[in-house]
Amino acid sequence: MNVKRIVIFASGGGSNAEKIMQHFASTSTVEVVKVVCNNPKAGVISKAQALEMPVAVISNSDAANANLLGELCIGADLIVLAGYLRKIPIDFIAKFNDKIINLHPSLLPNYGGKGMYGEHVHKAVLQNKEPETGITIHYVNENFDEGRIIAQFRTKLSDTETLSSVQSKIQFLEHSYFPFVIETVLKSK
């Protein structure tokens, strides 16, 4: 049986990375093999270690080194960006063409691009009084948040939403759908 191998890139708390690792821990067809993190203080490190997952902590200058990233991802069938806040080098994208996916906390193309991550996105959504928001899972290309869309999931917003309530709704969508979309993408590989 051919086991598909995933490398997760993350920079922050790691709740999505943790859900992905837990989701695939009981399967025999998919294996998360490593977490790559560019932030030595990120919560994802302890979450990965608690699940006995190898972690490669890299510097921000290392994060721009396509050759080093390629070495960290040898044998990967899919690279999953789960709250990874560094731009992916073009040479690395070319080496792993259609094998890098990202989760973005908005309905792209709205609220995407440089600087649009986490609460920055949610604040903009609230400021513009959007009737809905959601998540987008997409392939990574050379531009922030402009790769081919794989899936989107939506949630309605009321007039009484707060930053906290929007964050909770988005996190629910992320945890509910991201692992299953990853599974679907891997089946097509």
C-alpha atoms as a PDB file:
ATOM      1  CA  MET A   1       0.000   0.000   0.000  1.00  0.00           C
ATOM      2  CA  ASN A   2       1.336   3.435  -0.965  1.00  0.00           C
ATOM      3  CA  VAL A   3       1.247   5.733   2.088  1.00  0.00           C
ATOM      4  CA  LYS A   4       0.842   9.433   1.286  1.00  0.00           C
ATOM      5  CA  ARG A   5       3.153  11.712   3.250  1.00  0.00           C
ATOM      6  CA  ILE A   6       2.262  15.210   4.509  1.00  0.00           C
ATOM      7  CA  VAL A   7       4.547  17.952   5.824  1.00  0.00           C
ATOM      8  CA  ILE A   8       2.773  20.739   7.710  1.00  0.00           C
ATOM      9  CA  PHE A   9       4.135  24.302   7.804  1.00  0.00           C
ATOM     10  CA  ALA A  10       2.871  26.482  10.682  1.00  0.00           C
ATOM     11  CA  SER A  11       3.893  29.664  12.491  1.00  0.00           C
ATOM     12  CA  GLY A  12       1.453  30.064  15.370  1.00  0.00           C
ATOM     13  CA  GLY A  13      -0.746  28.303  17.877  1.00  0.00           C
ATOM     14  CA  GLY A  14      -1.171  25.228  15.745  1.00  0.00           C
ATOM     15  CA  SER A  15      -4.804  24.275  16.314  1.00  0.00           C
ATOM     16  CA  ASN A  16      -5.268  23.397  12.635  1.00  0.00           C
ATOM     17  CA  ALA A  17      -1.982  21.479  12.506  1.00  0.00           C
ATOM     18  CA  GLU A  18      -3.051  19.570  15.617  1.00  0.00           C
ATOM     19  CA  LYS A  19      -6.434  18.666  14.075  1.00  0.00           C
ATOM     20  CA  ILE A  20      -4.689  17.455  10.909  1.00  0.00           C
ATOM     21  CA  MET A  21      -2.200  15.333  12.878  1.00  0.00           C
ATOM     22  CA  GLN A  22      -4.991  13.844  14.994  1.00  0.00           C
ATOM     23  CA  HIS A  23      -7.178  13.185  11.946  1.00  0.00           C
ATOM     24  CA  PHE A  24      -4.506  11.202  10.122  1.00  0.00           C
ATOM     25  CA  ALA A  25      -3.024   9.459  13.192  1.00  0.00           C
ATOM     26  CA  SER A  26      -5.483   6.574  12.878  1.00  0.00           C
ATOM     27  CA  THR A  27      -5.190   6.050   9.123  1.00  0.00           C
ATOM     28  CA  SER A  28      -2.882   3.644   7.369  1.00  0.00           C
ATOM     29  CA  THR A  29      -2.938   5.481   4.034  1.00  0.00           C
ATOM     30  CA  VAL A  30      -1.792   8.979   5.089  1.00  0.00           C
ATOM     31  CA  GLU A  31       1.001   9.964   7.425  1.00  0.00           C
ATOM     32  CA  VAL A  32       1.969  13.393   8.709  1.00  0.00           C
ATOM     33  CA  VAL A  33       5.749  13.097   8.816  1.00  0.00           C
ATOM     34  CA  LYS A  34       6.917  16.496  10.029  1.00  0.00           C
ATOM     35  CA  VAL A  35       5.993  19.991  11.136  1.00  0.00           C
ATOM     36  CA  VAL A  36       8.114  22.895   9.903  1.00  0.00           C
ATOM     37  CA  CYS A  37       7.884  26.070  11.984  1.00  0.00           C
ATOM     38  CA  ASN A  38       9.570  29.455  11.565  1.00  0.00           C
ATOM     39  CA  ASN A  39       8.727  30.694  15.084  1.00  0.00           C
ATOM     40  CA  PRO A  40      10.632  29.145  18.010  1.00  0.00           C
ATOM     41  CA  LYS A  41       7.921  30.344  20.441  1.00  0.00           C
ATOM     42  CA  ALA A  42       4.950  28.994  18.444  1.00  0.00           C
ATOM     43  CA  GLY A  43       2.380  26.847  20.214  1.00  0.00           C
ATOM     44  CA  VAL A  44       2.396  24.404  17.305  1.00  0.00           C
ATOM     45  CA  ILE A  45       5.772  23.086  18.507  1.00  0.00           C
ATOM     46  CA  SER A  46       4.443  21.758  21.821  1.00  0.00           C
ATOM     47  CA  LYS A  47       1.288  20.438  20.126  1.00  0.00           C
ATOM     48  CA  ALA A  48       3.405  18.489  17.621  1.00  0.00           C
ATOM     49  CA  GLN A  49       5.763  17.223  20.310  1.00  0.00           C
ATOM     50  CA  ALA A  50       2.797  16.037  22.417  1.00  0.00           C
ATOM     51  CA  LEU A  51       1.759  13.936  19.412  1.00  0.00           C
ATOM     52  CA  GLU A  52       5.365  12.692  18.998  1.00  0.00           C
ATOM     53  CA  MET A  53       5.686  14.482  15.661  1.00  0.00           C
ATOM     54  CA  PRO A  54       9.145  15.595  14.490  1.00  0.00           C
ATOM     55  CA  VAL A  55       9.458  19.393  14.324  1.00  0.00           C
ATOM     56  CA  ALA A  56      11.964  21.385  12.291  1.00  0.00           C
ATOM     57  CA  VAL A  57      12.295  24.907  13.674  1.00  0.00           C
ATOM     58  CA  ILE A  58      13.767  27.217  11.061  1.00  0.00           C
ATOM     59  CA  SER A  59      14.675  30.905  11.014  1.00  0.00           C
ATOM     60  CA  ASN A  60      12.886  33.419   8.818  1.00  0.00           C
ATOM     61  CA  SER A  61      15.955  33.551   6.575  1.00  0.00           C
ATOM     62  CA  ASP A  62      15.827  29.744   6.312  1.00  0.00           C
ATOM     63  CA  ALA A  63      12.155  30.099   5.322  1.00  0.00           C
ATOM     64  CA  ALA A  64      13.299  31.951   2.194  1.00  0.00           C
ATOM     65  CA  ASN A  65      15.771  29.200   1.240  1.00  0.00           C
ATOM     66  CA  ALA A  66      14.084  26.985  -1.357  1.00  0.00           C
ATOM     67  CA  ASN A  67      16.854  24.362  -1.226  1.00  0.00           C
ATOM     68  CA  LEU A  68      16.624  23.971   2.548  1.00  0.00           C
ATOM     69  CA  LEU A  69      12.821  23.739   2.421  1.00  0.00           C
ATOM     70  CA  GLY A  70      13.142  21.141  -0.339  1.00  0.00           C
ATOM     71  CA  GLU A  71      15.457  19.048   1.852  1.00  0.00           C
ATOM     72  CA  LEU A  72      12.955  19.253   4.725  1.00  0.00           C
ATOM     73  CA  CYS A  73      10.193  18.018   2.407  1.00  0.00           C
ATOM     74  CA  ILE A  74      11.932  15.156   0.593  1.00  0.00           C
ATOM     75  CA  GLY A  75       9.356  12.458  -0.096  1.00  0.00           C
ATOM     76  CA  ALA A  76       6.348  14.649   0.704  1.00  0.00           C
ATOM     77  CA  ASP A  77       3.241  14.050  -1.379  1.00  0.00           C
ATOM     78  CA  LEU A  78       1.602  17.200  -0.002  1.00  0.00           C
ATOM     79  CA  ILE A  79       2.757  20.283   1.880  1.00  0.00           C
ATOM     80  CA  VAL A  80       0.029  21.874   3.982  1.00  0.00           C
ATOM     81  CA  LEU A  81       0.289  25.483   5.117  1.00  0.00           C
ATOM     82  CA  ALA A  82      -1.723  25.735   8.333  1.00  0.00           C
ATOM     83  CA  GLY A  83      -1.226  29.235   9.653  1.00  0.00           C
ATOM     84  CA  TYR A  84       2.213  29.627   8.083  1.00  0.00           C
ATOM     85  CA  LEU A  85       3.046  33.327   7.835  1.00  0.00           C
ATOM     86  CA  ARG A  86       6.018  33.389   5.472  1.00  0.00           C
ATOM     87  CA  LYS A  87       6.042  33.765   1.705  1.00  0.00           C
ATOM     88  CA  ILE A  88       6.923  30.490   0.000  1.00  0.00           C
ATOM     89  CA  PRO A  89       9.958  30.816  -2.333  1.00  0.00           C
ATOM     90  CA  ILE A  90       9.147  30.545  -6.048  1.00  0.00           C
ATOM     91  CA  ASP A  91      11.791  27.844  -6.630  1.00  0.00           C
ATOM     92  CA  PHE A  92      10.241  25.724  -3.876  1.00  0.00           C
ATOM     93  CA  ILE A  93       6.779  26.172  -5.402  1.00  0.00           C
ATOM     94  CA  ALA A  94       8.137  25.068  -8.785  1.00  0.00           C
ATOM     95  CA  LYS A  95       9.722  21.968  -7.235  1.00  0.00           C
ATOM     96  CA  PHE A  96       6.464  21.012  -5.505  1.00  0.00           C
ATOM     97  CA  ASN A  97       4.065  22.179  -8.210  1.00  0.00           C
ATOM     98  CA  ASP A  98       0.435  21.472  -7.232  1.00  0.00           C
ATOM     99  CA  LYS A  99       1.656  19.864  -4.008  1.00  0.00           C
ATOM    100  CA  ILE A 100       1.386  22.889  -1.681  1.00  0.00           C
ATOM    101  CA  ILE A 101      -1.981  23.950  -0.292  1.00  0.00           C
ATOM    102  CA  ASN A 102      -2.958  26.775   2.045  1.00  0.00           C
ATOM    103  CA  LEU A 103      -5.871  27.539   4.322  1.00  0.00           C
ATOM    104  CA  HIS A 104      -7.005  31.180   4.250  1.00  0.00           C
ATOM    105  CA  PRO A 105      -9.586  32.601   6.689  1.00  0.00           C
ATOM    106  CA  SER A 106     -11.755  34.400   4.137  1.00  0.00           C
ATOM    107  CA  LEU A 107     -13.693  33.772   0.978  1.00  0.00           C
ATOM    108  CA  LEU A 108     -10.986  34.546  -1.555  1.00  0.00           C
ATOM    109  CA  PRO A 109     -10.442  36.604  -3.586  1.00  0.00           C
ATOM    110  CA  ASN A 110     -11.866  38.876  -0.851  1.00  0.00           C
ATOM    111  CA  TYR A 111      -9.541  39.773   2.009  1.00  0.00           C
ATOM    112  CA  GLY A 112      -6.469  38.051   0.652  1.00  0.00           C
ATOM    113  CA  GLY A 113      -2.942  39.204  -0.036  1.00  0.00           C
ATOM    114  CA  LYS A 114       0.047  40.398   1.936  1.00  0.00           C
ATOM    115  CA  GLY A 115      -0.793  41.263   5.524  1.00  0.00           C
ATOM    116  CA  MET A 116      -4.229  39.652   5.370  1.00  0.00           C
ATOM    117  CA  TYR A 117      -4.117  36.866   7.926  1.00  0.00           C
ATOM    118  CA  GLY A 118      -5.840  35.992  11.191  1.00  0.00           C
ATOM    119  CA  GLU A 119      -7.592  38.825  12.962  1.00  0.00           C
ATOM    120  CA  HIS A 120      -6.590  41.324  10.248  1.00  0.00           C
ATOM    121  CA  VAL A 121      -8.963  39.479   7.932  1.00  0.00           C
ATOM    122  CA  HIS A 122     -11.745  39.236  10.521  1.00  0.00           C
ATOM    123  CA  LYS A 123     -11.505  42.935  11.433  1.00  0.00           C
ATOM    124  CA  ALA A 124     -11.816  43.885   7.753  1.00  0.00           C
ATOM    125  CA  VAL A 125     -14.823  41.586   7.338  1.00  0.00           C
ATOM    126  CA  LEU A 126     -16.510  43.197  10.363  1.00  0.00           C
ATOM    127  CA  GLN A 127     -15.604  46.736   9.301  1.00  0.00           C
ATOM    128  CA  ASN A 128     -17.215  46.144   5.899  1.00  0.00           C
ATOM    129  CA  LYS A 129     -20.321  44.609   7.505  1.00  0.00           C
ATOM    130  CA  GLU A 130     -20.120  41.493   5.349  1.00  0.00           C
ATOM    131  CA  PRO A 131     -23.207  39.241   5.500  1.00  0.00           C
ATOM    132  CA  GLU A 132     -20.995  36.129   5.416  1.00  0.00           C
ATOM    133  CA  THR A 133     -17.419  34.993   5.674  1.00  0.00           C
ATOM    134  CA  GLY A 134     -15.659  31.676   5.471  1.00  0.00           C
ATOM    135  CA  ILE A 135     -12.495  29.818   4.601  1.00  0.00           C
ATOM    136  CA  THR A 136     -10.721  29.048   1.359  1.00  0.00           C
ATOM    137  CA  ILE A 137      -8.387  26.140   0.744  1.00  0.00           C
ATOM    138  CA  HIS A 138      -6.238  26.753  -2.321  1.00  0.00           C
ATOM    139  CA  TYR A 139      -3.073  25.731  -4.105  1.00  0.00           C
ATOM    140  CA  VAL A 140      -0.081  27.987  -3.496  1.00  0.00           C
ATOM    141  CA  ASN A 141       1.422  29.978  -6.339  1.00  0.00           C
ATOM    142  CA  GLU A 142       3.908  32.856  -6.430  1.00  0.00           C
ATOM    143  CA  ASN A 143       1.344  35.428  -5.211  1.00  0.00           C
ATOM    144  CA  PHE A 144      -0.205  35.563  -1.753  1.00  0.00           C
ATOM    145  CA  ASP A 145      -3.646  33.918  -1.760  1.00  0.00           C
ATOM    146  CA  GLU A 146      -4.053  33.812  -5.543  1.00  0.00           C
ATOM    147  CA  GLY A 147      -3.589  30.103  -6.244  1.00  0.00           C
ATOM    148  CA  ARG A 148      -6.299  27.918  -7.740  1.00  0.00           C
ATOM    149  CA  ILE A 149      -9.165  27.422  -5.277  1.00  0.00           C
ATOM    150  CA  ILE A 150      -9.832  23.867  -4.122  1.00  0.00           C
ATOM    151  CA  ALA A 151     -12.762  24.475  -1.746  1.00  0.00           C
ATOM    152  CA  GLN A 152     -14.624  27.191   0.146  1.00  0.00           C
ATOM    153  CA  PHE A 153     -16.895  26.917   3.170  1.00  0.00           C
ATOM    154  CA  ARG A 154     -19.175  29.726   4.337  1.00  0.00           C
ATOM    155  CA  THR A 155     -20.833  30.963   7.483  1.00  0.00           C
ATOM    156  CA  LYS A 156     -23.473  33.672   7.887  1.00  0.00           C
ATOM    157  CA  LEU A 157     -22.749  36.754   9.967  1.00  0.00           C
ATOM    158  CA  SER A 158     -25.224  38.769  12.012  1.00  0.00           C
ATOM    159  CA  ASP A 159     -25.163  42.463  12.893  1.00  0.00           C
ATOM    160  CA  THR A 160     -24.030  41.597  16.416  1.00  0.00           C
ATOM    161  CA  GLU A 161     -20.831  39.717  15.525  1.00  0.00           C
ATOM    162  CA  THR A 162     -17.635  40.492  17.416  1.00  0.00           C
ATOM    163  CA  LEU A 163     -14.036  39.712  16.564  1.00  0.00           C
ATOM    164  CA  SER A 164     -14.230  36.780  18.966  1.00  0.00           C
ATOM    165  CA  SER A 165     -17.428  35.364  17.487  1.00  0.00           C
ATOM    166  CA  VAL A 166     -16.083  35.607  13.928  1.00  0.00           C
ATOM    167  CA  GLN A 167     -12.841  33.908  15.002  1.00  0.00           C
ATOM    168  CA  SER A 168     -14.860  31.093  16.597  1.00  0.00           C
ATOM    169  CA  LYS A 169     -16.974  30.586  13.473  1.00  0.00           C
ATOM    170  CA  ILE A 170     -13.893  30.497  11.238  1.00  0.00           C
ATOM    171  CA  GLN A 171     -12.048  28.102  13.533  1.00  0.00           C
ATOM    172  CA  PHE A 172     -15.069  25.792  13.539  1.00  0.00           C
ATOM    173  CA  LEU A 173     -15.016  25.720   9.711  1.00  0.00           C
ATOM    174  CA  GLU A 174     -11.248  25.155   9.651  1.00  0.00           C
ATOM    175  CA  HIS A 175     -11.314  22.271  12.120  1.00  0.00           C
ATOM    176  CA  SER A 176     -14.403  20.719  10.528  1.00  0.00           C
ATOM    177  CA  TYR A 177     -13.323  20.775   6.888  1.00  0.00           C
ATOM    178  CA  PHE A 178      -9.569  21.189   6.398  1.00  0.00           C
ATOM    179  CA  PRO A 179      -8.547  17.565   7.173  1.00  0.00           C
ATOM    180  CA  PHE A 180     -11.242  16.203   4.832  1.00  0.00           C
ATOM    181  CA  VAL A 181     -10.224  18.505   1.980  1.00  0.00           C
ATOM    182  CA  ILE A 182      -6.614  17.372   2.478  1.00  0.00           C
ATOM    183  CA  GLU A 183      -7.827  13.769   2.184  1.00  0.00           C
ATOM    184  CA  THR A 184      -9.653  14.587  -1.055  1.00  0.00           C
ATOM    185  CA  VAL A 185      -6.599  16.329  -2.517  1.00  0.00           C
ATOM    186  CA  LEU A 186      -4.385  13.352  -1.655  1.00  0.00           C
ATOM    187  CA  LYS A 187      -6.773  10.925  -3.372  1.00  0.00           C
ATOM    188  CA  SER A 188      -6.260  12.902  -6.602  1.00  0.00           C
ATOM    189  CA  LYS A 189      -2.451  12.623  -6.386  1.00  0.00           C
END
